[in-house]
Amino acid sequence: MFEDESMLELLEIYMDLVEKQDEMIYRLGKVVKRQREDLALLQNDAIIRETGDEYQQIKKGLDDYKP
């Protein structure tokens, strides 16, 4: 009888741990998703900055060109 109660108690503890683990995995997934979105924004900012620099170089080249 004692063994059955111990097994049930261990099973409840295990189920609680699994539930908490699932919640942590879910929350970490949300964090990773947010990081991916932030990285995409940073990449877009870098591309925009690079494009702006290229535009300024082309514009300067055209301004310096005098036929």
PDB file of N, CA and C in Angstrom:
ATOM      1  N   MET A   1       0.823  -1.195   0.000  1.00  0.00           N
ATOM      2  CA  MET A   1       0.000   0.000   0.000  1.00  0.00           C
ATOM      3  C   MET A   1       0.868   1.262   0.000  1.00  0.00           C
ATOM      4  N   PHE A   2       1.897   1.263   0.850  1.00  0.00           N
ATOM      5  CA  PHE A   2       2.798   2.413   0.943  1.00  0.00           C
ATOM      6  C   PHE A   2       3.513   2.643  -0.389  1.00  0.00           C
ATOM      7  N   GLU A   3       3.888   1.548  -1.039  1.00  0.00           N
ATOM      8  CA  GLU A   3       4.579   1.639  -2.316  1.00  0.00           C
ATOM      9  C   GLU A   3       3.687   2.281  -3.380  1.00  0.00           C
ATOM     10  N   ASP A   4       2.421   1.938  -3.396  1.00  0.00           N
ATOM     11  CA  ASP A   4       1.474   2.515  -4.349  1.00  0.00           C
ATOM     12  C   ASP A   4       1.314   4.012  -4.121  1.00  0.00           C
ATOM     13  N   GLU A   5       1.229   4.423  -2.858  1.00  0.00           N
ATOM     14  CA  GLU A   5       1.092   5.848  -2.541  1.00  0.00           C
ATOM     15  C   GLU A   5       2.347   6.616  -2.955  1.00  0.00           C
ATOM     16  N   SER A   6       3.497   6.023  -2.721  1.00  0.00           N
ATOM     17  CA  SER A   6       4.759   6.658  -3.109  1.00  0.00           C
ATOM     18  C   SER A   6       4.841   6.799  -4.627  1.00  0.00           C
ATOM     19  N   MET A   7       4.429   5.778  -5.328  1.00  0.00           N
ATOM     20  CA  MET A   7       4.450   5.825  -6.786  1.00  0.00           C
ATOM     21  C   MET A   7       3.501   6.903  -7.309  1.00  0.00           C
ATOM     22  N   LEU A   8       2.321   7.000  -6.711  1.00  0.00           N
ATOM     23  CA  LEU A   8       1.364   8.030  -7.125  1.00  0.00           C
ATOM     24  C   LEU A   8       1.916   9.424  -6.839  1.00  0.00           C
ATOM     25  N   GLU A   9       2.549   9.576  -5.679  1.00  0.00           N
ATOM     26  CA  GLU A   9       3.131  10.870  -5.331  1.00  0.00           C
ATOM     27  C   GLU A   9       4.256  11.235  -6.309  1.00  0.00           C
ATOM     28  N   LEU A  10       5.101  10.277  -6.631  1.00  0.00           N
ATOM     29  CA  LEU A  10       6.160  10.516  -7.605  1.00  0.00           C
ATOM     30  C   LEU A  10       5.596  10.842  -8.981  1.00  0.00           C
ATOM     31  N   LEU A  11       4.542  10.166  -9.370  1.00  0.00           N
ATOM     32  CA  LEU A  11       3.896  10.437 -10.645  1.00  0.00           C
ATOM     33  C   LEU A  11       3.336  11.854 -10.682  1.00  0.00           C
ATOM     34  N   GLU A  12       2.717  12.299  -9.590  1.00  0.00           N
ATOM     35  CA  GLU A  12       2.196  13.668  -9.515  1.00  0.00           C
ATOM     36  C   GLU A  12       3.320  14.689  -9.612  1.00  0.00           C
ATOM     37  N   ILE A  13       4.424  14.415  -8.928  1.00  0.00           N
ATOM     38  CA  ILE A  13       5.582  15.324  -8.992  1.00  0.00           C
ATOM     39  C   ILE A  13       6.112  15.380 -10.417  1.00  0.00           C
ATOM     40  N   TYR A  14       6.237  14.233 -11.049  1.00  0.00           N
ATOM     41  CA  TYR A  14       6.722  14.165 -12.418  1.00  0.00           C
ATOM     42  C   TYR A  14       5.801  14.927 -13.362  1.00  0.00           C
ATOM     43  N   MET A  15       4.506  14.732 -13.219  1.00  0.00           N
ATOM     44  CA  MET A  15       3.539  15.430 -14.082  1.00  0.00           C
ATOM     45  C   MET A  15       3.629  16.936 -13.881  1.00  0.00           C
ATOM     46  N   ASP A  16       3.814  17.378 -12.640  1.00  0.00           N
ATOM     47  CA  ASP A  16       3.971  18.802 -12.358  1.00  0.00           C
ATOM     48  C   ASP A  16       5.234  19.348 -13.013  1.00  0.00           C
ATOM     49  N   LEU A  17       6.328  18.592 -12.930  1.00  0.00           N
ATOM     50  CA  LEU A  17       7.584  19.012 -13.560  1.00  0.00           C
ATOM     51  C   LEU A  17       7.430  19.121 -15.077  1.00  0.00           C
ATOM     52  N   VAL A  18       6.769  18.163 -15.667  1.00  0.00           N
ATOM     53  CA  VAL A  18       6.559  18.179 -17.121  1.00  0.00           C
ATOM     54  C   VAL A  18       5.713  19.390 -17.516  1.00  0.00           C
ATOM     55  N   GLU A  19       4.694  19.685 -16.728  1.00  0.00           N
ATOM     56  CA  GLU A  19       3.840  20.843 -17.011  1.00  0.00           C
ATOM     57  C   GLU A  19       4.649  22.136 -16.935  1.00  0.00           C
ATOM     58  N   LYS A  20       5.488  22.261 -15.906  1.00  0.00           N
ATOM     59  CA  LYS A  20       6.327  23.448 -15.769  1.00  0.00           C
ATOM     60  C   LYS A  20       7.335  23.542 -16.905  1.00  0.00           C
ATOM     61  N   GLN A  21       7.883  22.407 -17.300  1.00  0.00           N
ATOM     62  CA  GLN A  21       8.829  22.377 -18.409  1.00  0.00           C
ATOM     63  C   GLN A  21       8.150  22.828 -19.701  1.00  0.00           C
ATOM     64  N   ASP A  22       6.940  22.360 -19.948  1.00  0.00           N
ATOM     65  CA  ASP A  22       6.196  22.768 -21.138  1.00  0.00           C
ATOM     66  C   ASP A  22       5.969  24.279 -21.141  1.00  0.00           C
ATOM     67  N   GLU A  23       5.627  24.834 -19.987  1.00  0.00           N
ATOM     68  CA  GLU A  23       5.412  26.284 -19.883  1.00  0.00           C
ATOM     69  C   GLU A  23       6.703  27.043 -20.171  1.00  0.00           C
ATOM     70  N   MET A  24       7.819  26.552 -19.658  1.00  0.00           N
ATOM     71  CA  MET A  24       9.107  27.204 -19.913  1.00  0.00           C
ATOM     72  C   MET A  24       9.467  27.148 -21.390  1.00  0.00           C
ATOM     73  N   ILE A  25       9.237  26.009 -22.019  1.00  0.00           N
ATOM     74  CA  ILE A  25       9.519  25.865 -23.445  1.00  0.00           C
ATOM     75  C   ILE A  25       8.661  26.836 -24.243  1.00  0.00           C
ATOM     76  N   TYR A  26       7.390  26.964 -23.894  1.00  0.00           N
ATOM     77  CA  TYR A  26       6.485  27.892 -24.574  1.00  0.00           C
ATOM     78  C   TYR A  26       6.998  29.326 -24.441  1.00  0.00           C
ATOM     79  N   ARG A  27       7.366  29.714 -23.236  1.00  0.00           N
ATOM     80  CA  ARG A  27       7.848  31.088 -23.004  1.00  0.00           C
ATOM     81  C   ARG A  27       9.170  31.347 -23.716  1.00  0.00           C
ATOM     82  N   LEU A  28      10.066  30.372 -23.684  1.00  0.00           N
ATOM     83  CA  LEU A  28      11.332  30.536 -24.392  1.00  0.00           C
ATOM     84  C   LEU A  28      11.101  30.639 -25.903  1.00  0.00           C
ATOM     85  N   GLY A  29      10.127  29.919 -26.402  1.00  0.00           N
ATOM     86  CA  GLY A  29       9.771  30.028 -27.818  1.00  0.00           C
ATOM     87  C   GLY A  29       9.337  31.431 -28.173  1.00  0.00           C
ATOM     88  N   LYS A  30       8.574  32.075 -27.265  1.00  0.00           N
ATOM     89  CA  LYS A  30       8.151  33.455 -27.508  1.00  0.00           C
ATOM     90  C   LYS A  30       9.347  34.405 -27.499  1.00  0.00           C
ATOM     91  N   VAL A  31      10.299  34.148 -26.598  1.00  0.00           N
ATOM     92  CA  VAL A  31      11.504  34.984 -26.530  1.00  0.00           C
ATOM     93  C   VAL A  31      12.314  34.845 -27.816  1.00  0.00           C
ATOM     94  N   VAL A  32      12.498  33.611 -28.277  1.00  0.00           N
ATOM     95  CA  VAL A  32      13.260  33.372 -29.500  1.00  0.00           C
ATOM     96  C   VAL A  32      12.572  34.028 -30.694  1.00  0.00           C
ATOM     97  N   LYS A  33      11.261  33.944 -30.746  1.00  0.00           N
ATOM     98  CA  LYS A  33      10.508  34.575 -31.842  1.00  0.00           C
ATOM     99  C   LYS A  33      10.737  36.082 -31.836  1.00  0.00           C
ATOM    100  N   ARG A  34      10.691  36.684 -30.658  1.00  0.00           N
ATOM    101  CA  ARG A  34      10.913  38.132 -30.540  1.00  0.00           C
ATOM    102  C   ARG A  34      12.333  38.497 -30.960  1.00  0.00           C
ATOM    103  N   GLN A  35      13.310  37.682 -30.558  1.00  0.00           N
ATOM    104  CA  GLN A  35      14.692  37.929 -30.957  1.00  0.00           C
ATOM    105  C   GLN A  35      14.843  37.848 -32.475  1.00  0.00           C
ATOM    106  N   ARG A  36      14.173  36.872 -33.083  1.00  0.00           N
ATOM    107  CA  ARG A  36      14.234  36.737 -34.544  1.00  0.00           C
ATOM    108  C   ARG A  36      13.653  37.985 -35.213  1.00  0.00           C
ATOM    109  N   GLU A  37      12.550  38.494 -34.676  1.00  0.00           N
ATOM    110  CA  GLU A  37      11.942  39.699 -35.230  1.00  0.00           C
ATOM    111  C   GLU A  37      12.865  40.902 -35.055  1.00  0.00           C
ATOM    112  N   ASP A  38      13.489  41.016 -33.885  1.00  0.00           N
ATOM    113  CA  ASP A  38      14.415  42.125 -33.633  1.00  0.00           C
ATOM    114  C   ASP A  38      15.617  42.064 -34.573  1.00  0.00           C
ATOM    115  N   LEU A  39      16.145  40.855 -34.788  1.00  0.00           N
ATOM    116  CA  LEU A  39      17.280  40.700 -35.701  1.00  0.00           C
ATOM    117  C   LEU A  39      16.901  41.073 -37.129  1.00  0.00           C
ATOM    118  N   ALA A  40      15.697  40.722 -37.530  1.00  0.00           N
ATOM    119  CA  ALA A  40      15.234  41.083 -38.878  1.00  0.00           C
ATOM    120  C   ALA A  40      15.149  42.601 -39.014  1.00  0.00           C
ATOM    121  N   LEU A  41      14.672  43.278 -37.965  1.00  0.00           N
ATOM    122  CA  LEU A  41      14.608  44.740 -38.006  1.00  0.00           C
ATOM    123  C   LEU A  41      16.004  45.354 -38.084  1.00  0.00           C
ATOM    124  N   LEU A  42      16.936  44.810 -37.319  1.00  0.00           N
ATOM    125  CA  LEU A  42      18.307  45.311 -37.368  1.00  0.00           C
ATOM    126  C   LEU A  42      18.924  45.099 -38.744  1.00  0.00           C
ATOM    127  N   GLN A  43      18.631  43.951 -39.341  1.00  0.00           N
ATOM    128  CA  GLN A  43      19.142  43.676 -40.678  1.00  0.00           C
ATOM    129  C   GLN A  43      18.547  44.666 -41.684  1.00  0.00           C
ATOM    130  N   ASN A  44      17.264  44.947 -41.562  1.00  0.00           N
ATOM    131  CA  ASN A  44      16.632  45.923 -42.448  1.00  0.00           C
ATOM    132  C   ASN A  44      17.232  47.306 -42.261  1.00  0.00           C
ATOM    133  N   ASP A  45      17.507  47.682 -41.011  1.00  0.00           N
ATOM    134  CA  ASP A  45      18.129  48.980 -40.740  1.00  0.00           C
ATOM    135  C   ASP A  45      19.500  49.067 -41.407  1.00  0.00           C
ATOM    136  N   ALA A  46      20.273  47.991 -41.329  1.00  0.00           N
ATOM    137  CA  ALA A  46      21.599  47.972 -41.941  1.00  0.00           C
ATOM    138  C   ALA A  46      21.485  48.117 -43.457  1.00  0.00           C
ATOM    139  N   ILE A  47      20.527  47.428 -44.048  1.00  0.00           N
ATOM    140  CA  ILE A  47      20.332  47.508 -45.501  1.00  0.00           C
ATOM    141  C   ILE A  47      19.930  48.929 -45.898  1.00  0.00           C
ATOM    142  N   ILE A  48      19.043  49.530 -45.121  1.00  0.00           N
ATOM    143  CA  ILE A  48      18.606  50.903 -45.414  1.00  0.00           C
ATOM    144  C   ILE A  48      19.782  51.865 -45.299  1.00  0.00           C
ATOM    145  N   ARG A  49      20.590  51.701 -44.247  1.00  0.00           N
ATOM    146  CA  ARG A  49      21.758  52.561 -44.065  1.00  0.00           C
ATOM    147  C   ARG A  49      22.735  52.409 -45.236  1.00  0.00           C
ATOM    148  N   GLU A  50      22.979  51.167 -45.646  1.00  0.00           N
ATOM    149  CA  GLU A  50      23.885  50.902 -46.761  1.00  0.00           C
ATOM    150  C   GLU A  50      23.351  51.515 -48.049  1.00  0.00           C
ATOM    151  N   THR A  51      22.069  51.357 -48.285  1.00  0.00           N
ATOM    152  CA  THR A  51      21.450  51.925 -49.485  1.00  0.00           C
ATOM    153  C   THR A  51      21.547  53.441 -49.468  1.00  0.00           C
ATOM    154  N   GLY A  52      21.320  54.046 -48.299  1.00  0.00           N
ATOM    155  CA  GLY A  52      21.440  55.507 -48.178  1.00  0.00           C
ATOM    156  C   GLY A  52      22.854  55.974 -48.454  1.00  0.00           C
ATOM    157  N   ASP A  53      23.850  55.228 -47.965  1.00  0.00           N
ATOM    158  CA  ASP A  53      25.248  55.579 -48.233  1.00  0.00           C
ATOM    159  C   ASP A  53      25.550  55.494 -49.725  1.00  0.00           C
ATOM    160  N   GLU A  54      25.069  54.432 -50.359  1.00  0.00           N
ATOM    161  CA  GLU A  54      25.282  54.287 -51.802  1.00  0.00           C
ATOM    162  C   GLU A  54      24.612  55.425 -52.562  1.00  0.00           C
ATOM    163  N   TYR A  55      23.416  55.810 -52.142  1.00  0.00           N
ATOM    164  CA  TYR A  55      22.704  56.915 -52.786  1.00  0.00           C
ATOM    165  C   TYR A  55      23.512  58.207 -52.665  1.00  0.00           C
ATOM    166  N   GLN A  56      24.042  58.446 -51.465  1.00  0.00           N
ATOM    167  CA  GLN A  56      24.831  59.670 -51.263  1.00  0.00           C
ATOM    168  C   GLN A  56      26.077  59.671 -52.147  1.00  0.00           C
ATOM    169  N   GLN A  57      26.726  58.523 -52.312  1.00  0.00           N
ATOM    170  CA  GLN A  57      27.909  58.444 -53.164  1.00  0.00           C
ATOM    171  C   GLN A  57      27.548  58.708 -54.622  1.00  0.00           C
ATOM    172  N   ILE A  58      26.447  58.123 -55.067  1.00  0.00           N
ATOM    173  CA  ILE A  58      26.005  58.340 -56.451  1.00  0.00           C
ATOM    174  C   ILE A  58      25.634  59.798 -56.657  1.00  0.00           C
ATOM    175  N   LYS A  59      24.917  60.370 -55.702  1.00  0.00           N
ATOM    176  CA  LYS A  59      24.508  61.777 -55.799  1.00  0.00           C
ATOM    177  C   LYS A  59      25.733  62.683 -55.838  1.00  0.00           C
ATOM    178  N   LYS A  60      26.705  62.410 -54.987  1.00  0.00           N
ATOM    179  CA  LYS A  60      27.933  63.209 -54.971  1.00  0.00           C
ATOM    180  C   LYS A  60      28.647  63.089 -56.312  1.00  0.00           C
ATOM    181  N   GLY A  61      28.687  61.885 -56.865  1.00  0.00           N
ATOM    182  CA  GLY A  61      29.312  61.683 -58.163  1.00  0.00           C
ATOM    183  C   GLY A  61      28.608  62.464 -59.250  1.00  0.00           C
ATOM    184  N   LEU A  62      27.278  62.511 -59.190  1.00  0.00           N
ATOM    185  CA  LEU A  62      26.520  63.266 -60.191  1.00  0.00           C
ATOM    186  C   LEU A  62      26.708  64.772 -59.998  1.00  0.00           C
ATOM    187  N   ASP A  63      26.770  65.202 -58.730  1.00  0.00           N
ATOM    188  CA  ASP A  63      26.980  66.624 -58.453  1.00  0.00           C
ATOM    189  C   ASP A  63      28.363  67.075 -58.915  1.00  0.00           C
ATOM    190  N   ASP A  64      29.347  66.197 -58.805  1.00  0.00           N
ATOM    191  CA  ASP A  64      30.716  66.527 -59.211  1.00  0.00           C
ATOM    192  C   ASP A  64      30.867  66.485 -60.722  1.00  0.00           C
ATOM    193  N   TYR A  65      29.990  65.800 -61.410  1.00  0.00           N
ATOM    194  CA  TYR A  65      30.078  65.670 -62.865  1.00  0.00           C
ATOM    195  C   TYR A  65      29.587  66.966 -63.510  1.00  0.00           C
ATOM    196  N   LYS A  66      30.484  67.567 -64.264  1.00  0.00           N
ATOM    197  CA  LYS A  66      30.130  68.805 -64.968  1.00  0.00           C
ATOM    198  C   LYS A  66      30.518  68.631 -66.436  1.00  0.00           C
ATOM    199  N   PRO A  67      29.544  68.460 -67.297  1.00  0.00           N
ATOM    200  CA  PRO A  67      29.857  68.245 -68.726  1.00  0.00           C
ATOM    201  C   PRO A  67      30.391  69.488 -69.398  1.00  0.00           C
TER     202      PRO A  67
END
